[in-house]
Amino acid sequence: MTIAVLLTTYNRKEKTLACLQRLSVQVLPENVKLNVFLTDDASSDGTAEAVQKLYPGTHVYVGNGQYYWAGGMRYTWREAMQTRPDQYLLLNDDTVLFSDSIGKLITTSLQQNKPSVIVGSTVDELTNKVSYGGWKLFRRGIWHSRRVFDKTRAVDCDFANANILLVPARIVDRLGILADHFTHGLADYDYTCKVREAGFGLKVAPGVLGYCTDDHGDNWKSQTTSLKERIKYLKSPKGLAYKEYLRFIRDHFPLSYPSAFAKLWLKTFFPFVWDKLKD
């Protein structure tokens, strides 16, 4: 079995190198081979050069500084597809895998009775709280969810983060890769929603597979910022990604479109409501 490991990086060299170091010491099942593909989006901190020096077997590509996460992952994925691997492992460069993580992903994948995407859960190293993984809808068709996780068994989910995400080539052959209309975030949610909608499996592997800190913070700008700044954040790919978010909701959760639309503008015009809820 060959697994193409996909990463995109930008100006966090130490985290990227820590991720690759843990990747290099994985305890793998017999006859499993990893090939690492990494797109660095024109980092100014020497990420690409450091990776090439310390991990010369890595396929390194350099972007133009405008790829963001989704664009960088698409570029990496397209390059990796030319090698025709059996599986693709999407991996965030700030994720620190445990030594047996990929083995657990493979085991979970082989246990399924149909082609399935396998999600790996991460925890914050300081708090030990689950930070990324799979999500379950409270009600089908409504954009309202909770995180799902189990220490000992694989569980179904409805969509997932791609911090650790194992995707069989058979699914890629059918669905393709991350959608072009997402710039930064949401592309992983969209893709995993499509996996479920196409009838493939989407499972959260048992246990915790790595460390990763949820560093996104609040997804709105405080009332103390200017309205101009809040509107800029509303439209930013790294902010609320207004058009992309509403397209995601329209495509997968149309019943939630009116409330999603209203919340985006409420967060922009009246963020003190969310500030109070946070307190």
Protein backbone atom coordinates (compact mmCIF):
# COMPACT_ATOMS: atom_id res chain seq x y z
CA MET A 1 0.00 0.00 0.00
CA THR A 2 1.32 3.43 -0.93
CA ILE A 3 0.06 6.52 0.87
CA ALA A 4 0.61 10.03 -0.46
CA VAL A 5 0.85 12.42 2.48
CA LEU A 6 -0.38 15.90 1.52
CA LEU A 7 0.64 19.14 3.25
CA THR A 8 0.58 22.85 2.57
CA THR A 9 2.69 25.28 4.60
CA TYR A 10 3.16 28.97 5.18
CA ASN A 11 5.59 30.66 7.58
CA ARG A 12 5.60 28.23 10.47
CA LYS A 13 8.82 26.38 9.84
CA GLU A 14 9.28 24.94 13.32
CA LYS A 15 5.79 23.46 13.40
CA THR A 16 6.21 22.06 9.89
CA LEU A 17 9.51 20.40 10.80
CA ALA A 18 8.00 18.98 14.00
CA CYS A 19 5.15 17.52 11.94
CA LEU A 20 7.54 15.94 9.45
CA GLN A 21 9.74 14.57 12.22
CA ARG A 22 6.81 12.68 13.75
CA LEU A 23 5.78 11.54 10.28
CA SER A 24 9.27 10.13 9.68
CA VAL A 25 9.15 7.86 12.75
CA GLN A 26 5.75 6.29 12.15
CA VAL A 27 5.49 2.60 13.00
CA LEU A 28 3.86 1.33 9.82
CA PRO A 29 2.29 -2.00 8.92
CA GLU A 30 4.38 -4.21 6.67
CA ASN A 31 4.45 -3.21 2.99
CA VAL A 32 3.09 0.30 3.63
CA LYS A 33 5.07 3.13 2.06
CA LEU A 34 4.67 6.89 2.59
CA ASN A 35 5.45 9.49 -0.05
CA VAL A 36 5.31 13.07 1.24
CA PHE A 37 4.14 15.93 -0.98
CA LEU A 38 4.33 19.49 0.36
CA THR A 39 3.44 22.85 -1.17
CA ASP A 40 5.00 25.84 0.56
CA ASP A 41 3.12 29.02 -0.31
CA ALA A 42 6.16 31.30 -0.67
CA SER A 43 7.08 31.35 3.03
CA SER A 44 9.60 33.99 4.06
CA ASP A 45 10.94 31.96 7.00
CA GLY A 46 12.82 29.36 4.95
CA THR A 47 10.30 26.54 5.38
CA ALA A 48 10.81 25.05 1.91
CA GLU A 49 14.59 25.16 2.17
CA ALA A 50 14.59 23.58 5.63
CA VAL A 51 12.30 20.77 4.49
CA GLN A 52 14.47 20.04 1.46
CA LYS A 53 17.59 19.95 3.63
CA LEU A 54 16.27 17.83 6.51
CA TYR A 55 13.79 15.64 4.60
CA PRO A 56 15.25 15.37 1.08
CA GLY A 57 12.79 12.65 0.08
CA THR A 58 9.89 15.09 0.32
CA HIS A 59 8.39 16.36 -2.92
CA VAL A 60 8.44 20.13 -2.34
CA TYR A 61 6.56 22.67 -4.48
CA VAL A 62 6.54 26.45 -4.06
CA GLY A 63 3.41 28.57 -4.46
CA ASN A 64 2.93 32.23 -5.28
CA GLY A 65 1.84 33.37 -1.83
CA GLN A 66 -1.85 33.35 -2.75
CA TYR A 67 -2.72 29.68 -2.41
CA TYR A 68 -3.98 29.74 1.18
CA TRP A 69 -4.81 26.35 2.74
CA ALA A 70 -7.32 24.99 0.24
CA GLY A 71 -5.38 26.17 -2.80
CA GLY A 72 -2.14 24.75 -1.48
CA MET A 73 -3.75 21.42 -0.70
CA ARG A 74 -5.30 21.23 -4.18
CA TYR A 75 -1.91 21.88 -5.78
CA THR A 76 -0.27 19.24 -3.58
CA TRP A 77 -3.05 16.75 -4.25
CA ARG A 78 -2.88 17.15 -8.03
CA GLU A 79 0.86 16.55 -7.99
CA ALA A 80 0.46 13.47 -5.79
CA MET A 81 -2.26 12.02 -8.03
CA GLN A 82 0.30 11.55 -10.79
CA THR A 83 1.96 8.82 -8.69
CA ARG A 84 -1.30 6.82 -8.39
CA PRO A 85 -1.14 5.97 -4.67
CA ASP A 86 -3.65 3.73 -2.91
CA GLN A 87 -4.53 6.30 -0.26
CA TYR A 88 -4.11 10.03 0.35
CA LEU A 89 -3.42 11.37 3.83
CA LEU A 90 -4.34 15.03 4.30
CA LEU A 91 -2.25 16.34 7.19
CA ASN A 92 -2.04 19.81 8.71
CA ASP A 93 1.51 20.95 9.28
CA ASP A 94 0.74 21.98 12.88
CA THR A 95 -0.37 18.44 13.73
CA VAL A 96 1.98 16.20 15.71
CA LEU A 97 1.13 12.56 15.05
CA PHE A 98 1.61 9.77 17.56
CA SER A 99 3.95 7.01 16.37
CA ASP A 100 1.13 4.54 15.61
CA SER A 101 -1.39 7.02 14.17
CA ILE A 102 -1.14 6.06 10.51
CA GLY A 103 -1.28 2.38 11.43
CA LYS A 104 -4.56 3.01 13.26
CA LEU A 105 -5.97 4.90 10.29
CA ILE A 106 -5.09 2.01 7.98
CA THR A 107 -6.55 -0.59 10.35
CA THR A 108 -9.79 1.36 10.62
CA SER A 109 -9.95 1.75 6.85
CA LEU A 110 -9.46 -1.97 6.22
CA GLN A 111 -12.22 -2.83 8.70
CA GLN A 112 -14.90 -1.01 6.70
CA ASN A 113 -17.27 -2.86 4.37
CA LYS A 114 -17.20 -0.08 1.77
CA PRO A 115 -14.70 2.60 0.70
CA SER A 116 -14.48 5.06 3.58
CA VAL A 117 -12.69 8.24 4.52
CA ILE A 118 -11.11 7.89 7.97
CA VAL A 119 -10.84 10.89 10.29
CA GLY A 120 -8.17 11.25 12.96
CA SER A 121 -8.96 13.15 16.16
CA THR A 122 -6.47 15.51 17.79
CA VAL A 123 -6.26 17.02 21.24
CA ASP A 124 -4.74 20.22 22.57
CA GLU A 125 -1.46 19.24 24.23
CA LEU A 126 -2.01 21.57 27.20
CA THR A 127 -5.71 21.01 27.93
CA ASN A 128 -6.06 17.47 26.51
CA LYS A 129 -9.41 18.52 25.02
CA VAL A 130 -10.36 17.27 21.57
CA SER A 131 -9.49 20.03 19.11
CA TYR A 132 -10.19 18.60 15.63
CA GLY A 133 -11.89 15.53 14.19
CA GLY A 134 -15.36 14.45 13.12
CA TRP A 135 -18.72 16.14 13.58
CA LYS A 136 -22.27 14.80 13.79
CA LEU A 137 -25.37 16.77 12.82
CA PHE A 138 -28.11 17.03 15.40
CA ARG A 139 -30.63 16.85 12.59
CA ARG A 140 -30.07 15.84 8.98
CA GLY A 141 -30.07 18.84 6.65
CA ILE A 142 -29.65 21.45 9.40
CA TRP A 143 -26.29 23.13 10.04
CA HIS A 144 -26.05 22.39 13.76
CA SER A 145 -23.57 19.83 15.02
CA ARG A 146 -21.48 18.37 17.82
CA ARG A 147 -18.07 16.75 17.79
CA VAL A 148 -18.03 12.93 17.96
CA PHE A 149 -15.24 10.83 19.42
CA ASP A 150 -14.78 7.45 21.05
CA LYS A 151 -11.66 6.04 22.68
CA THR A 152 -12.15 2.42 21.64
CA ARG A 153 -14.31 2.19 18.51
CA ALA A 154 -14.76 3.87 15.15
CA VAL A 155 -17.84 6.09 14.93
CA ASP A 156 -19.79 7.61 12.06
CA CYS A 157 -19.68 11.33 11.41
CA ASP A 158 -21.34 13.69 8.92
CA PHE A 159 -18.39 15.97 8.11
CA ALA A 160 -14.86 16.45 9.37
CA ASN A 161 -11.74 18.53 9.72
CA ALA A 162 -8.85 17.51 7.49
CA ASN A 163 -6.10 17.85 10.09
CA ILE A 164 -5.74 14.06 9.81
CA LEU A 165 -7.82 12.60 6.99
CA LEU A 166 -7.19 9.34 5.11
CA VAL A 167 -8.91 9.21 1.71
CA PRO A 168 -8.88 6.07 -0.48
CA ALA A 169 -7.95 6.55 -4.14
CA ARG A 170 -11.25 4.88 -5.10
CA ILE A 171 -13.12 7.80 -3.56
CA VAL A 172 -10.85 10.36 -5.21
CA ASP A 173 -11.43 8.68 -8.57
CA ARG A 174 -15.16 9.23 -8.08
CA LEU A 175 -15.32 12.62 -6.30
CA GLY A 176 -12.10 14.33 -7.27
CA ILE A 177 -10.35 16.59 -4.76
CA LEU A 178 -11.15 19.75 -2.79
CA ALA A 179 -13.51 22.09 -4.66
CA ASP A 180 -11.92 25.01 -6.52
CA HIS A 181 -14.35 27.60 -5.15
CA PHE A 182 -12.92 27.42 -1.61
CA THR A 183 -9.91 29.62 -0.93
CA HIS A 184 -8.88 28.68 2.59
CA GLY A 185 -11.25 26.99 5.03
CA LEU A 186 -14.51 25.04 4.52
CA ALA A 187 -13.01 22.92 1.74
CA ASP A 188 -12.58 19.98 4.13
CA TYR A 189 -16.15 20.30 5.43
CA ASP A 190 -17.45 20.46 1.86
CA TYR A 191 -15.43 17.44 0.73
CA THR A 192 -16.43 15.23 3.64
CA CYS A 193 -20.08 16.22 3.21
CA LYS A 194 -19.79 15.09 -0.42
CA VAL A 195 -18.27 11.79 0.74
CA ARG A 196 -21.37 11.04 2.81
CA GLU A 197 -23.77 12.29 0.15
CA ALA A 198 -22.16 9.98 -2.43
CA GLY A 199 -22.79 6.97 -0.20
CA PHE A 200 -19.22 6.36 0.93
CA GLY A 201 -18.29 5.84 4.56
CA LEU A 202 -16.99 8.59 6.85
CA LYS A 203 -15.59 7.24 10.11
CA VAL A 204 -13.71 8.73 13.04
CA ALA A 205 -10.90 6.37 14.01
CA PRO A 206 -10.86 5.26 17.66
CA GLY A 207 -8.77 7.20 20.13
CA VAL A 208 -6.57 10.25 19.78
CA LEU A 209 -4.07 10.28 16.92
CA GLY A 210 -2.12 13.45 17.57
CA TYR A 211 -1.71 16.88 19.09
CA CYS A 212 -3.00 20.04 17.47
CA THR A 213 -3.97 23.34 19.07
CA ASP A 214 -7.21 24.97 17.96
CA ASP A 215 -5.84 28.45 17.27
CA HIS A 216 -8.77 29.92 15.35
CA GLY A 217 -10.15 31.94 18.25
CA ASP A 218 -13.42 33.86 17.84
CA ASN A 219 -14.90 33.82 14.35
CA TRP A 220 -15.98 37.45 14.56
CA LYS A 221 -14.41 40.85 15.15
CA SER A 222 -15.12 42.61 18.43
CA GLN A 223 -17.31 45.70 18.72
CA THR A 224 -14.13 47.64 19.50
CA THR A 225 -13.03 47.33 15.85
CA SER A 226 -14.35 49.66 13.15
CA LEU A 227 -17.26 48.67 10.92
CA LYS A 228 -14.94 48.90 7.91
CA GLU A 229 -12.60 46.39 9.52
CA ARG A 230 -15.49 44.08 10.41
CA ILE A 231 -16.82 44.11 6.85
CA LYS A 232 -13.34 43.36 5.57
CA TYR A 233 -13.20 40.38 7.95
CA LEU A 234 -16.65 39.27 6.76
CA LYS A 235 -15.36 38.95 3.20
CA SER A 236 -11.84 37.69 3.97
CA PRO A 237 -10.92 34.06 3.13
CA LYS A 238 -9.36 33.81 6.60
CA GLY A 239 -12.32 35.54 8.20
CA LEU A 240 -15.98 34.70 7.71
CA ALA A 241 -15.48 34.02 3.95
CA TYR A 242 -18.96 35.41 3.25
CA LYS A 243 -19.60 34.15 -0.29
CA GLU A 244 -17.87 30.81 0.18
CA TYR A 245 -19.62 30.10 3.47
CA LEU A 246 -23.06 30.86 2.04
CA ARG A 247 -22.33 28.65 -0.97
CA PHE A 248 -21.35 25.82 1.36
CA ILE A 249 -24.59 26.23 3.31
CA ARG A 250 -26.66 26.45 0.13
CA ASP A 251 -25.08 23.31 -1.30
CA HIS A 252 -25.40 21.12 1.79
CA PHE A 253 -27.82 22.74 4.27
CA PRO A 254 -30.30 24.87 2.30
CA LEU A 255 -32.79 24.91 5.17
CA SER A 256 -30.17 26.74 7.24
CA TYR A 257 -29.42 29.38 4.59
CA PRO A 258 -31.67 32.16 6.02
CA SER A 259 -30.28 31.81 9.54
CA ALA A 260 -26.68 31.52 8.27
CA PHE A 261 -27.11 34.70 6.21
CA ALA A 262 -28.58 36.56 9.19
CA LYS A 263 -25.84 35.43 11.59
CA LEU A 264 -23.05 36.61 9.28
CA TRP A 265 -24.45 40.12 9.20
CA LEU A 266 -25.34 40.13 12.89
CA LYS A 267 -21.73 39.21 13.70
CA THR A 268 -20.60 42.08 11.51
CA PHE A 269 -23.02 44.82 12.62
CA PHE A 270 -23.72 43.74 16.21
CA PRO A 271 -20.72 41.69 17.41
CA PHE A 272 -21.40 42.71 21.03
CA VAL A 273 -24.13 40.02 21.02
CA TRP A 274 -21.47 37.33 20.47
CA ASP A 275 -19.10 39.07 22.87
CA LYS A 276 -21.73 38.74 25.61
CA LEU A 277 -22.49 35.12 24.78
CA LYS A 278 -18.78 34.33 24.99
CA ASP A 279 -18.59 35.84 28.49
